Amino acid sequence: MNKHHGQLIEYRVRKNGYSISDLARNLNVNRRSIYNWFNQPYIKKDVILHIGIILRHDFSQEFPEMFTSEEFESVHKFKPTGFGTQRTVTTNQDDEIYKDKYVNLLEKYNMLLLKSL
């Protein structure tokens, strides 16, 4: 029996509760492309790999003929930022540092504006 790649991927996307819009944004494609992929009986290996990375799912279970679990080992170490790109996950502490810097800069700017009046 042939596996319908699109249906298997759609099942995993929906089971994980992942937003189609977010998936499309992370892959740098439009939502219509995602829905078209769901209808395709065969999807390219690199597309499945990128979807797996974004979903943080090891597709070697569904497609053992295409992937090994080693290809998905780094899935939990990286946060996807787009098709073919990855960056390390930032922590909330990093976000707070930049937020504090922004607030300080904004306060200084407001003080300068008040002095000039």
N, C-alpha and C. Protein backbone atom coordinates (compact mmCIF):
# COMPACT_ATOMS: atom_id res chain seq x y z
N MET A 1 0.83 -1.18 0.00
CA MET A 1 0.00 0.00 0.00
C MET A 1 0.88 1.25 0.00
N ASN A 2 0.60 2.17 -0.91
CA ASN A 2 1.35 3.42 -0.98
C ASN A 2 0.87 4.38 0.09
N LYS A 3 1.82 5.09 0.66
CA LYS A 3 1.49 6.10 1.67
C LYS A 3 1.16 7.41 0.98
N HIS A 4 0.12 8.04 1.43
CA HIS A 4 -0.24 9.36 0.92
C HIS A 4 0.46 10.38 1.81
N HIS A 5 1.56 10.94 1.31
CA HIS A 5 2.39 11.84 2.10
C HIS A 5 1.59 13.01 2.67
N GLY A 6 0.79 13.63 1.81
CA GLY A 6 0.04 14.81 2.23
C GLY A 6 -0.92 14.52 3.37
N GLN A 7 -1.61 13.38 3.29
CA GLN A 7 -2.55 13.03 4.35
C GLN A 7 -1.84 12.75 5.67
N LEU A 8 -0.70 12.07 5.59
CA LEU A 8 0.06 11.78 6.81
C LEU A 8 0.58 13.07 7.46
N ILE A 9 1.05 13.99 6.64
CA ILE A 9 1.55 15.26 7.17
C ILE A 9 0.39 16.09 7.74
N GLU A 10 -0.72 16.13 7.02
CA GLU A 10 -1.88 16.87 7.52
C GLU A 10 -2.35 16.32 8.87
N TYR A 11 -2.38 15.00 9.00
CA TYR A 11 -2.78 14.38 10.26
C TYR A 11 -1.87 14.83 11.39
N ARG A 12 -0.56 14.83 11.13
CA ARG A 12 0.40 15.20 12.18
C ARG A 12 0.27 16.69 12.53
N VAL A 13 0.08 17.53 11.52
CA VAL A 13 -0.07 18.97 11.77
C VAL A 13 -1.29 19.22 12.64
N ARG A 14 -2.40 18.60 12.27
CA ARG A 14 -3.65 18.82 13.02
C ARG A 14 -3.59 18.18 14.40
N LYS A 15 -2.98 17.02 14.50
CA LYS A 15 -2.87 16.35 15.80
C LYS A 15 -2.03 17.17 16.77
N ASN A 16 -0.98 17.80 16.27
CA ASN A 16 -0.13 18.65 17.11
C ASN A 16 -0.80 19.99 17.41
N GLY A 17 -1.90 20.29 16.72
CA GLY A 17 -2.59 21.56 16.95
C GLY A 17 -1.83 22.75 16.39
N TYR A 18 -0.98 22.51 15.39
CA TYR A 18 -0.17 23.57 14.82
C TYR A 18 -1.00 24.36 13.82
N SER A 19 -0.92 25.66 13.88
CA SER A 19 -1.66 26.54 12.99
C SER A 19 -1.12 26.45 11.56
N ILE A 20 -2.03 26.34 10.60
CA ILE A 20 -1.64 26.30 9.19
C ILE A 20 -0.98 27.62 8.81
N SER A 21 -1.49 28.72 9.34
CA SER A 21 -0.90 30.03 9.05
C SER A 21 0.52 30.12 9.57
N ASP A 22 0.74 29.63 10.80
CA ASP A 22 2.10 29.66 11.36
C ASP A 22 3.04 28.76 10.58
N LEU A 23 2.54 27.60 10.17
CA LEU A 23 3.36 26.68 9.38
C LEU A 23 3.75 27.34 8.06
N ALA A 24 2.78 27.95 7.39
CA ALA A 24 3.05 28.63 6.12
C ALA A 24 4.06 29.75 6.31
N ARG A 25 3.89 30.52 7.38
CA ARG A 25 4.81 31.63 7.66
C ARG A 25 6.23 31.11 7.89
N ASN A 26 6.37 30.04 8.66
CA ASN A 26 7.69 29.49 8.94
C ASN A 26 8.35 28.86 7.72
N LEU A 27 7.54 28.39 6.78
CA LEU A 27 8.08 27.80 5.54
C LEU A 27 8.24 28.84 4.43
N ASN A 28 7.78 30.07 4.69
CA ASN A 28 7.81 31.14 3.69
C ASN A 28 7.03 30.77 2.43
N VAL A 29 5.86 30.18 2.64
CA VAL A 29 4.93 29.88 1.55
C VAL A 29 3.56 30.38 1.98
N ASN A 30 2.61 30.41 1.04
CA ASN A 30 1.28 30.84 1.45
C ASN A 30 0.46 29.63 1.93
N ARG A 31 -0.65 29.92 2.60
CA ARG A 31 -1.47 28.86 3.17
C ARG A 31 -1.99 27.92 2.10
N ARG A 32 -2.29 28.45 0.93
CA ARG A 32 -2.81 27.62 -0.15
C ARG A 32 -1.81 26.53 -0.52
N SER A 33 -0.52 26.84 -0.49
CA SER A 33 0.51 25.84 -0.78
C SER A 33 0.46 24.70 0.22
N ILE A 34 0.24 25.03 1.49
CA ILE A 34 0.15 23.99 2.53
C ILE A 34 -1.03 23.07 2.22
N TYR A 35 -2.19 23.66 1.92
CA TYR A 35 -3.36 22.84 1.61
C TYR A 35 -3.14 22.02 0.34
N ASN A 36 -2.43 22.56 -0.64
CA ASN A 36 -2.11 21.79 -1.84
C ASN A 36 -1.20 20.62 -1.51
N TRP A 37 -0.23 20.83 -0.61
CA TRP A 37 0.65 19.72 -0.20
C TRP A 37 -0.15 18.62 0.48
N PHE A 38 -1.16 19.01 1.27
CA PHE A 38 -1.97 18.00 1.95
C PHE A 38 -2.68 17.08 0.95
N ASN A 39 -2.94 17.59 -0.26
CA ASN A 39 -3.62 16.80 -1.28
C ASN A 39 -2.66 16.01 -2.17
N GLN A 40 -1.37 16.20 -2.00
CA GLN A 40 -0.37 15.53 -2.84
C GLN A 40 -0.05 14.14 -2.31
N PRO A 41 -0.07 13.12 -3.17
CA PRO A 41 0.29 11.77 -2.71
C PRO A 41 1.79 11.63 -2.44
N TYR A 42 2.60 12.47 -3.09
CA TYR A 42 4.05 12.42 -2.87
C TYR A 42 4.56 13.84 -2.65
N ILE A 43 5.35 14.03 -1.61
CA ILE A 43 5.94 15.33 -1.30
C ILE A 43 7.44 15.16 -1.20
N LYS A 44 8.19 16.15 -1.69
CA LYS A 44 9.65 16.07 -1.68
C LYS A 44 10.19 15.90 -0.27
N LYS A 45 11.30 15.20 -0.20
CA LYS A 45 11.94 14.89 1.08
C LYS A 45 12.30 16.16 1.86
N ASP A 46 12.86 17.16 1.18
CA ASP A 46 13.28 18.37 1.91
C ASP A 46 12.10 19.14 2.48
N VAL A 47 10.95 19.10 1.82
CA VAL A 47 9.77 19.77 2.34
C VAL A 47 9.29 19.06 3.60
N ILE A 48 9.24 17.73 3.55
CA ILE A 48 8.83 16.96 4.73
C ILE A 48 9.79 17.20 5.88
N LEU A 49 11.08 17.25 5.58
CA LEU A 49 12.09 17.48 6.61
C LEU A 49 11.87 18.83 7.29
N HIS A 50 11.65 19.87 6.51
CA HIS A 50 11.44 21.21 7.07
C HIS A 50 10.14 21.29 7.87
N ILE A 51 9.10 20.62 7.39
CA ILE A 51 7.85 20.59 8.16
C ILE A 51 8.09 19.88 9.49
N GLY A 52 8.83 18.78 9.46
CA GLY A 52 9.14 18.05 10.69
C GLY A 52 9.92 18.90 11.68
N ILE A 53 10.86 19.68 11.18
CA ILE A 53 11.65 20.55 12.05
C ILE A 53 10.76 21.62 12.68
N ILE A 54 9.88 22.20 11.89
CA ILE A 54 8.99 23.23 12.41
C ILE A 54 8.01 22.64 13.43
N LEU A 55 7.47 21.46 13.13
CA LEU A 55 6.53 20.82 14.06
C LEU A 55 7.23 20.17 15.24
N ARG A 56 8.56 20.06 15.13
CA ARG A 56 9.35 19.33 16.12
C ARG A 56 8.87 17.89 16.22
N HIS A 57 8.71 17.29 15.03
CA HIS A 57 8.24 15.91 14.94
C HIS A 57 9.20 15.10 14.09
N ASP A 58 9.48 13.89 14.52
CA ASP A 58 10.37 12.98 13.82
C ASP A 58 9.56 12.19 12.80
N PHE A 59 9.64 12.59 11.53
CA PHE A 59 8.89 11.91 10.47
C PHE A 59 9.54 10.60 10.03
N SER A 60 10.62 10.19 10.68
CA SER A 60 11.22 8.90 10.32
C SER A 60 10.29 7.76 10.73
N GLN A 61 9.35 8.02 11.63
CA GLN A 61 8.37 7.00 12.02
C GLN A 61 7.38 6.76 10.87
N GLU A 62 6.92 7.82 10.24
CA GLU A 62 5.95 7.71 9.15
C GLU A 62 6.62 7.35 7.82
N PHE A 63 7.86 7.83 7.65
CA PHE A 63 8.57 7.63 6.38
C PHE A 63 9.95 7.01 6.62
N PRO A 64 10.01 5.76 7.09
CA PRO A 64 11.32 5.16 7.39
C PRO A 64 12.17 4.95 6.13
N GLU A 65 11.54 4.89 4.98
CA GLU A 65 12.28 4.71 3.73
C GLU A 65 12.96 6.00 3.28
N MET A 66 12.53 7.14 3.83
CA MET A 66 13.08 8.44 3.43
C MET A 66 14.03 9.03 4.46
N PHE A 67 13.77 8.76 5.75
CA PHE A 67 14.52 9.43 6.82
C PHE A 67 15.02 8.43 7.85
N THR A 68 16.06 8.87 8.55
CA THR A 68 16.50 8.16 9.76
C THR A 68 16.22 9.09 10.93
N SER A 69 16.13 8.53 12.11
CA SER A 69 15.83 9.37 13.27
C SER A 69 16.96 10.35 13.56
N GLU A 70 18.18 10.06 13.09
CA GLU A 70 19.30 10.99 13.29
C GLU A 70 19.07 12.32 12.58
N GLU A 71 18.34 12.28 11.47
CA GLU A 71 18.08 13.52 10.73
C GLU A 71 17.20 14.48 11.53
N PHE A 72 16.46 13.94 12.48
CA PHE A 72 15.55 14.76 13.28
C PHE A 72 16.05 14.96 14.70
N GLU A 73 17.29 14.56 15.00
CA GLU A 73 17.82 14.70 16.35
C GLU A 73 17.88 16.15 16.82
N SER A 74 18.19 17.05 15.92
CA SER A 74 18.34 18.46 16.30
C SER A 74 17.02 19.20 16.37
N VAL A 75 15.92 18.50 16.18
CA VAL A 75 14.60 19.14 16.14
C VAL A 75 14.33 19.94 17.40
N HIS A 76 14.71 19.46 18.56
CA HIS A 76 14.39 20.14 19.81
C HIS A 76 15.43 21.19 20.19
N LYS A 77 16.53 21.27 19.45
CA LYS A 77 17.59 22.22 19.79
C LYS A 77 17.43 23.56 19.09
N PHE A 78 16.64 23.60 18.03
CA PHE A 78 16.52 24.80 17.23
C PHE A 78 15.09 25.26 17.13
N LYS A 79 14.94 26.58 16.97
CA LYS A 79 13.63 27.16 16.73
C LYS A 79 13.58 27.56 15.26
N PRO A 80 12.58 27.08 14.51
CA PRO A 80 12.52 27.42 13.09
C PRO A 80 12.20 28.89 12.87
N THR A 81 12.85 29.48 11.86
CA THR A 81 12.58 30.87 11.52
C THR A 81 12.21 31.02 10.06
N GLY A 82 12.21 29.98 9.30
CA GLY A 82 11.85 30.04 7.90
C GLY A 82 12.37 28.84 7.17
N PHE A 83 11.99 28.70 5.93
CA PHE A 83 12.36 27.54 5.13
C PHE A 83 13.87 27.51 4.94
N GLY A 84 14.50 26.48 5.43
CA GLY A 84 15.94 26.32 5.24
C GLY A 84 16.80 27.08 6.21
N THR A 85 16.20 27.76 7.19
CA THR A 85 17.00 28.49 8.15
C THR A 85 16.64 28.06 9.56
N GLN A 86 17.61 28.19 10.47
CA GLN A 86 17.38 27.87 11.86
C GLN A 86 18.17 28.85 12.70
N ARG A 87 17.67 29.11 13.90
CA ARG A 87 18.44 29.88 14.85
C ARG A 87 18.20 29.27 16.22
N THR A 88 19.13 29.52 17.12
CA THR A 88 18.97 28.93 18.44
C THR A 88 17.84 29.61 19.18
N VAL A 89 17.24 28.88 20.07
CA VAL A 89 16.11 29.38 20.84
C VAL A 89 16.58 30.46 21.80
N THR A 90 15.87 31.59 21.80
CA THR A 90 16.20 32.66 22.74
C THR A 90 15.41 32.43 24.02
N THR A 91 15.95 32.85 25.11
CA THR A 91 15.26 32.68 26.38
C THR A 91 14.47 33.92 26.73
N ASN A 92 13.59 33.78 27.69
CA ASN A 92 12.82 34.94 28.15
C ASN A 92 13.73 35.98 28.76
N GLN A 93 14.83 35.53 29.35
CA GLN A 93 15.78 36.46 29.96
C GLN A 93 16.38 37.38 28.89
N ASP A 94 16.71 36.82 27.72
CA ASP A 94 17.23 37.63 26.62
C ASP A 94 16.19 38.67 26.18
N ASP A 95 14.94 38.24 26.11
CA ASP A 95 13.88 39.17 25.73
C ASP A 95 13.74 40.30 26.73
N GLU A 96 13.85 39.98 28.00
CA GLU A 96 13.75 40.99 29.06
C GLU A 96 14.88 42.01 28.97
N ILE A 97 16.08 41.55 28.65
CA ILE A 97 17.22 42.46 28.54
C ILE A 97 16.96 43.51 27.46
N TYR A 98 16.50 43.06 26.29
CA TYR A 98 16.24 43.99 25.20
C TYR A 98 15.05 44.90 25.51
N LYS A 99 14.07 44.35 26.20
CA LYS A 99 12.92 45.17 26.59
C LYS A 99 13.36 46.28 27.55
N ASP A 100 14.19 45.93 28.52
CA ASP A 100 14.70 46.93 29.47
C ASP A 100 15.53 48.00 28.77
N LYS A 101 16.37 47.58 27.83
CA LYS A 101 17.18 48.55 27.08
C LYS A 101 16.29 49.51 26.30
N TYR A 102 15.25 48.97 25.69
CA TYR A 102 14.33 49.79 24.91
C TYR A 102 13.61 50.79 25.81
N VAL A 103 13.12 50.34 26.95
CA VAL A 103 12.41 51.23 27.87
C VAL A 103 13.34 52.33 28.37
N ASN A 104 14.57 51.99 28.72
CA ASN A 104 15.54 53.00 29.18
C ASN A 104 15.81 54.04 28.09
N LEU A 105 16.00 53.57 26.88
CA LEU A 105 16.24 54.48 25.77
C LEU A 105 15.03 55.39 25.53
N LEU A 106 13.85 54.83 25.61
CA LEU A 106 12.63 55.60 25.43
C LEU A 106 12.47 56.66 26.51
N GLU A 107 12.79 56.32 27.75
CA GLU A 107 12.72 57.28 28.85
C GLU A 107 13.72 58.42 28.65
N LYS A 108 14.93 58.11 28.22
CA LYS A 108 15.94 59.14 27.97
C LYS A 108 15.49 60.07 26.84
N TYR A 109 14.91 59.50 25.81
CA TYR A 109 14.42 60.29 24.69
C TYR A 109 13.32 61.24 25.15
N ASN A 110 12.41 60.74 25.97
CA ASN A 110 11.33 61.58 26.49
C ASN A 110 11.87 62.72 27.35
N MET A 111 12.89 62.43 28.14
CA MET A 111 13.51 63.48 28.97
C MET A 111 14.14 64.56 28.09
N LEU A 112 14.81 64.16 27.02
CA LEU A 112 15.39 65.14 26.10
C LEU A 112 14.32 65.99 25.44
N LEU A 113 13.21 65.38 25.09
CA LEU A 113 12.11 66.14 24.50
C LEU A 113 11.56 67.17 25.48
N LEU A 114 11.40 66.76 26.73
CA LEU A 114 10.88 67.69 27.73
C LEU A 114 11.84 68.84 27.98
N LYS A 115 13.15 68.58 27.97
CA LYS A 115 14.15 69.64 28.17
C LYS A 115 14.16 70.64 27.03
N SER A 116 13.90 70.17 25.83
CA SER A 116 13.94 71.05 24.67
C SER A 116 12.71 71.96 24.59
N LEU A 117 11.68 71.65 25.34
CA LEU A 117 10.47 72.50 25.32
C LEU A 117 10.62 73.63 26.20
